[in-house]
Amino acid sequence: MTIKQAQQQVDQWIKTVGVRYFSELTNMAILTEEVGELARIMARKYGDQSFKKSDRDKDLGDEMADVLWVLLCLANQTGVDLTEALKKNFEKKTKRDAKRHLKNKKLKD
């Protein structure tokens, strides 16, 4: 599935199953909530925190997909083509960071 297809499928789902999009501000709040849920699992799986009983059954991929879902909703609502935005972002990072990371002694082992 391409990013464009994902945007289209989310849009179709919202219009048929979800009735309508939540407001942009509501979706921004939901995105923040979903990122927090992802962070919680990451902190427990890869960080120093121990799992709580309620977190043990959480699926990392599902939490990431929740973040992506809401981001796709926001892109649809605001008219952002994420495929084009990502292409431009790659260009920006490549130009800006062409030698930056190569010179970073912290990244060399």
C-alpha atoms as a PDB file:
ATOM      1  CA  MET A   1       0.000   0.000   0.000  1.00  0.00           C
ATOM      2  CA  THR A   2       1.363   3.415  -0.921  1.00  0.00           C
ATOM      3  CA  ILE A   3       0.979   6.489   1.255  1.00  0.00           C
ATOM      4  CA  LYS A   4      -1.502   7.887  -1.252  1.00  0.00           C
ATOM      5  CA  GLN A   5      -3.536   4.671  -1.131  1.00  0.00           C
ATOM      6  CA  ALA A   6      -3.476   4.774   2.660  1.00  0.00           C
ATOM      7  CA  GLN A   7      -4.793   8.340   2.623  1.00  0.00           C
ATOM      8  CA  GLN A   8      -7.553   7.283   0.231  1.00  0.00           C
ATOM      9  CA  GLN A   9      -8.501   4.205   2.249  1.00  0.00           C
ATOM     10  CA  VAL A  10      -8.655   6.175   5.490  1.00  0.00           C
ATOM     11  CA  ASP A  11     -10.823   8.783   3.765  1.00  0.00           C
ATOM     12  CA  GLN A  12     -13.174   6.097   2.426  1.00  0.00           C
ATOM     13  CA  TRP A  13     -13.401   4.434   5.847  1.00  0.00           C
ATOM     14  CA  ILE A  14     -14.149   7.732   7.573  1.00  0.00           C
ATOM     15  CA  LYS A  15     -16.900   8.541   5.083  1.00  0.00           C
ATOM     16  CA  THR A  16     -18.557   5.104   5.251  1.00  0.00           C
ATOM     17  CA  VAL A  17     -17.899   3.728   8.741  1.00  0.00           C
ATOM     18  CA  GLY A  18     -16.753   6.710  10.747  1.00  0.00           C
ATOM     19  CA  VAL A  19     -19.586   8.989   9.549  1.00  0.00           C
ATOM     20  CA  ARG A  20     -17.328  12.082   9.358  1.00  0.00           C
ATOM     21  CA  TYR A  21     -13.937  13.367  10.400  1.00  0.00           C
ATOM     22  CA  PHE A  22     -13.521  14.759  13.890  1.00  0.00           C
ATOM     23  CA  SER A  23     -12.408  18.402  13.818  1.00  0.00           C
ATOM     24  CA  GLU A  24      -8.763  19.086  13.055  1.00  0.00           C
ATOM     25  CA  LEU A  25      -8.171  20.233  16.620  1.00  0.00           C
ATOM     26  CA  THR A  26      -9.788  17.085  18.037  1.00  0.00           C
ATOM     27  CA  ASN A  27      -7.656  14.928  15.739  1.00  0.00           C
ATOM     28  CA  MET A  28      -4.545  16.824  16.818  1.00  0.00           C
ATOM     29  CA  ALA A  29      -5.397  16.031  20.435  1.00  0.00           C
ATOM     30  CA  ILE A  30      -6.037  12.388  19.508  1.00  0.00           C
ATOM     31  CA  LEU A  31      -2.683  12.257  17.687  1.00  0.00           C
ATOM     32  CA  THR A  32      -0.962  13.513  20.813  1.00  0.00           C
ATOM     33  CA  GLU A  33      -2.764  10.874  22.871  1.00  0.00           C
ATOM     34  CA  GLU A  34      -1.770   8.103  20.455  1.00  0.00           C
ATOM     35  CA  VAL A  35       1.884   9.228  20.445  1.00  0.00           C
ATOM     36  CA  GLY A  36       1.757   9.093  24.235  1.00  0.00           C
ATOM     37  CA  GLU A  37       0.463   5.521  24.135  1.00  0.00           C
ATOM     38  CA  LEU A  38       3.271   4.585  21.756  1.00  0.00           C
ATOM     39  CA  ALA A  39       5.822   6.305  23.994  1.00  0.00           C
ATOM     40  CA  ARG A  40       4.522   4.374  26.990  1.00  0.00           C
ATOM     41  CA  ILE A  41       5.096   1.019  25.270  1.00  0.00           C
ATOM     42  CA  MET A  42       8.516   2.095  23.974  1.00  0.00           C
ATOM     43  CA  ALA A  43       9.583   3.227  27.466  1.00  0.00           C
ATOM     44  CA  ARG A  44       8.595  -0.132  28.887  1.00  0.00           C
ATOM     45  CA  LYS A  45       9.948  -2.334  26.103  1.00  0.00           C
ATOM     46  CA  TYR A  46      13.188  -0.475  25.306  1.00  0.00           C
ATOM     47  CA  GLY A  47      13.585   1.875  28.248  1.00  0.00           C
ATOM     48  CA  ASP A  48      13.983   1.498  31.968  1.00  0.00           C
ATOM     49  CA  GLN A  49      10.344   1.335  33.005  1.00  0.00           C
ATOM     50  CA  SER A  50       8.746  -1.978  33.893  1.00  0.00           C
ATOM     51  CA  PHE A  51       5.502  -3.098  32.323  1.00  0.00           C
ATOM     52  CA  LYS A  52       2.268  -2.538  34.161  1.00  0.00           C
ATOM     53  CA  LYS A  53      -0.264  -5.342  33.942  1.00  0.00           C
ATOM     54  CA  SER A  54      -2.471  -3.170  31.675  1.00  0.00           C
ATOM     55  CA  ASP A  55       0.396  -2.608  29.217  1.00  0.00           C
ATOM     56  CA  ARG A  56       1.543  -6.193  28.756  1.00  0.00           C
ATOM     57  CA  ASP A  57      -0.870  -7.011  25.947  1.00  0.00           C
ATOM     58  CA  LYS A  58      -0.253  -3.820  23.952  1.00  0.00           C
ATOM     59  CA  ASP A  59       1.059  -4.362  20.431  1.00  0.00           C
ATOM     60  CA  LEU A  60       3.803  -1.980  19.319  1.00  0.00           C
ATOM     61  CA  GLY A  61       2.805  -2.187  15.650  1.00  0.00           C
ATOM     62  CA  ASP A  62      -0.814  -1.472  16.470  1.00  0.00           C
ATOM     63  CA  GLU A  63       0.185   1.586  18.503  1.00  0.00           C
ATOM     64  CA  MET A  64       2.305   2.849  15.578  1.00  0.00           C
ATOM     65  CA  ALA A  65      -0.610   2.230  13.205  1.00  0.00           C
ATOM     66  CA  ASP A  66      -2.880   4.288  15.473  1.00  0.00           C
ATOM     67  CA  VAL A  67      -0.440   7.208  15.178  1.00  0.00           C
ATOM     68  CA  LEU A  68      -0.263   6.798  11.400  1.00  0.00           C
ATOM     69  CA  TRP A  69      -4.061   6.585  11.112  1.00  0.00           C
ATOM     70  CA  VAL A  70      -4.642   9.917  12.839  1.00  0.00           C
ATOM     71  CA  LEU A  71      -1.797  11.537  10.889  1.00  0.00           C
ATOM     72  CA  LEU A  72      -3.432  10.361   7.658  1.00  0.00           C
ATOM     73  CA  CYS A  73      -6.735  11.830   8.861  1.00  0.00           C
ATOM     74  CA  LEU A  74      -5.091  15.182   9.540  1.00  0.00           C
ATOM     75  CA  ALA A  75      -3.385  15.145   6.137  1.00  0.00           C
ATOM     76  CA  ASN A  76      -6.708  14.460   4.429  1.00  0.00           C
ATOM     77  CA  GLN A  77      -8.460  17.178   6.391  1.00  0.00           C
ATOM     78  CA  THR A  78      -5.832  19.811   5.663  1.00  0.00           C
ATOM     79  CA  GLY A  79      -5.254  18.927   2.016  1.00  0.00           C
ATOM     80  CA  VAL A  80      -1.712  17.631   2.486  1.00  0.00           C
ATOM     81  CA  ASP A  81      -0.462  15.038   0.009  1.00  0.00           C
ATOM     82  CA  LEU A  82       1.858  13.095   2.310  1.00  0.00           C
ATOM     83  CA  THR A  83       3.647  11.433  -0.612  1.00  0.00           C
ATOM     84  CA  GLU A  84       4.718  14.815  -1.969  1.00  0.00           C
ATOM     85  CA  ALA A  85       5.415  16.168   1.512  1.00  0.00           C
ATOM     86  CA  LEU A  86       7.683  13.202   2.275  1.00  0.00           C
ATOM     87  CA  LYS A  87       9.549  13.593  -1.034  1.00  0.00           C
ATOM     88  CA  LYS A  88      10.186  17.270  -0.245  1.00  0.00           C
ATOM     89  CA  ASN A  89      11.222  16.355   3.291  1.00  0.00           C
ATOM     90  CA  PHE A  90      13.795  13.860   1.960  1.00  0.00           C
ATOM     91  CA  GLU A  91      15.193  16.556  -0.333  1.00  0.00           C
ATOM     92  CA  LYS A  92      15.387  19.049   2.542  1.00  0.00           C
ATOM     93  CA  LYS A  93      17.125  16.602   4.862  1.00  0.00           C
ATOM     94  CA  THR A  94      19.523  15.383   2.168  1.00  0.00           C
ATOM     95  CA  LYS A  95      20.584  18.925   1.331  1.00  0.00           C
ATOM     96  CA  ARG A  96      20.776  20.112   4.939  1.00  0.00           C
ATOM     97  CA  ASP A  97      22.444  17.016   6.372  1.00  0.00           C
ATOM     98  CA  ALA A  98      24.632  15.950   3.443  1.00  0.00           C
ATOM     99  CA  LYS A  99      27.782  15.911   5.599  1.00  0.00           C
ATOM    100  CA  ARG A 100      26.445  16.697   9.059  1.00  0.00           C
ATOM    101  CA  HIS A 101      25.987  13.106  10.231  1.00  0.00           C
ATOM    102  CA  LEU A 102      29.207  11.918   8.604  1.00  0.00           C
ATOM    103  CA  LYS A 103      31.089  14.460  10.722  1.00  0.00           C
ATOM    104  CA  ASN A 104      29.318  13.486  13.930  1.00  0.00           C
ATOM    105  CA  LYS A 105      31.864  11.606  16.050  1.00  0.00           C
ATOM    106  CA  LYS A 106      29.065  10.308  18.271  1.00  0.00           C
ATOM    107  CA  LEU A 107      27.744   8.206  15.377  1.00  0.00           C
ATOM    108  CA  LYS A 108      31.069   6.495  14.659  1.00  0.00           C
ATOM    109  CA  ASP A 109      31.972   3.347  16.547  1.00  0.00           C
END
